[in-house]
Amino acid sequence: MQVEVHTITLWFDKVSEILRELKQLGASNHNMGARHGLTTRGHLRQMTAAYETLRNTEGKLPVSYQVFTISARNKAN
């Protein structure tokens, strides 16, 4: 069995662009401890302020994800 992992980073100008992209992808939070219900304006402001600390020197915000490729062969072949 062979496993490859590739990290892909996309860069955005605004947190709102990141949130829109995630929504279009259908991404959601499946953590057991995740809050249920709508996000309040206060929580959104806190998240935005925290994310803003990640800006690079060019003023862009990162979003990274990992792609795993797993391949296996049947030993009989």
Protein backbone atom coordinates (compact mmCIF):
# COMPACT_ATOMS: atom_id res chain seq x y z
CA MET A 1 0.00 0.00 0.00
CA GLN A 2 1.23 3.47 -0.83
CA VAL A 3 0.00 6.69 0.76
CA GLU A 4 0.74 10.15 -0.62
CA VAL A 5 -0.22 13.39 1.09
CA HIS A 6 -0.28 16.74 -0.66
CA THR A 7 -0.97 20.01 1.13
CA ILE A 8 -2.63 22.67 -0.99
CA THR A 9 -2.81 26.28 0.16
CA LEU A 10 -5.11 28.87 -1.39
CA TRP A 11 -4.82 32.59 -0.65
CA PHE A 12 -7.67 35.05 -0.16
CA ASP A 13 -8.03 38.80 0.36
CA LYS A 14 -10.89 38.66 2.88
CA VAL A 15 -12.28 36.28 5.48
CA SER A 16 -15.70 36.68 3.85
CA GLU A 17 -14.27 35.23 0.61
CA ILE A 18 -13.00 32.21 2.55
CA LEU A 19 -16.38 31.65 4.18
CA ARG A 20 -18.15 31.94 0.81
CA GLU A 21 -15.75 29.43 -0.76
CA LEU A 22 -16.27 26.95 2.10
CA LYS A 23 -20.03 27.30 1.83
CA GLN A 24 -19.93 26.68 -1.94
CA LEU A 25 -17.85 23.54 -1.33
CA GLY A 26 -20.43 22.30 1.13
CA ALA A 27 -17.89 22.16 3.95
CA SER A 28 -19.27 21.74 7.45
CA ASN A 29 -18.07 21.09 10.97
CA HIS A 30 -18.65 17.50 12.10
CA ASN A 31 -16.79 17.80 15.41
CA MET A 32 -18.65 16.28 18.34
CA GLY A 33 -18.10 19.43 20.43
CA ALA A 34 -19.18 21.84 17.69
CA ARG A 35 -21.85 24.42 18.42
CA HIS A 36 -25.24 23.78 16.90
CA GLY A 37 -27.30 26.54 15.33
CA LEU A 38 -26.39 29.77 13.61
CA THR A 39 -23.15 31.64 14.23
CA THR A 40 -23.71 34.92 16.06
CA ARG A 41 -22.21 38.20 14.90
CA GLY A 42 -20.00 38.19 17.98
CA HIS A 43 -18.59 34.75 17.19
CA LEU A 44 -18.06 35.77 13.58
CA ARG A 45 -16.16 38.90 14.70
CA GLN A 46 -13.98 36.82 17.05
CA MET A 47 -13.21 34.29 14.32
CA THR A 48 -12.42 37.05 11.83
CA ALA A 49 -10.08 38.80 14.28
CA ALA A 50 -8.26 35.53 14.98
CA TYR A 51 -7.96 34.70 11.27
CA GLU A 52 -6.62 38.18 10.46
CA THR A 53 -3.48 37.34 12.47
CA LEU A 54 -2.58 34.80 9.75
CA ARG A 55 -2.12 37.37 6.95
CA ASN A 56 1.15 37.02 5.07
CA THR A 57 3.46 39.88 4.05
CA GLU A 58 1.43 40.33 0.84
CA GLY A 59 -1.77 40.81 2.84
CA LYS A 60 -3.29 37.44 1.89
CA LEU A 61 -5.09 34.95 4.14
CA PRO A 62 -4.27 31.23 3.81
CA VAL A 63 -6.60 28.26 3.58
CA SER A 64 -4.87 24.87 3.52
CA TYR A 65 -6.21 21.39 2.98
CA GLN A 66 -4.65 18.00 2.53
CA VAL A 67 -5.32 15.52 -0.25
CA PHE A 68 -4.57 11.88 0.57
CA THR A 69 -4.02 9.40 -2.25
CA ILE A 70 -4.01 5.77 -1.17
CA SER A 71 -3.19 3.01 -3.62
CA ALA A 72 -2.99 -0.71 -3.06
CA ARG A 73 -2.43 -3.78 -5.21
CA ASN A 74 -3.75 -7.27 -4.89
CA LYS A 75 -0.75 -9.53 -4.17
CA ALA A 76 -2.17 -12.21 -6.49
CA ASN A 77 -1.63 -9.97 -9.52
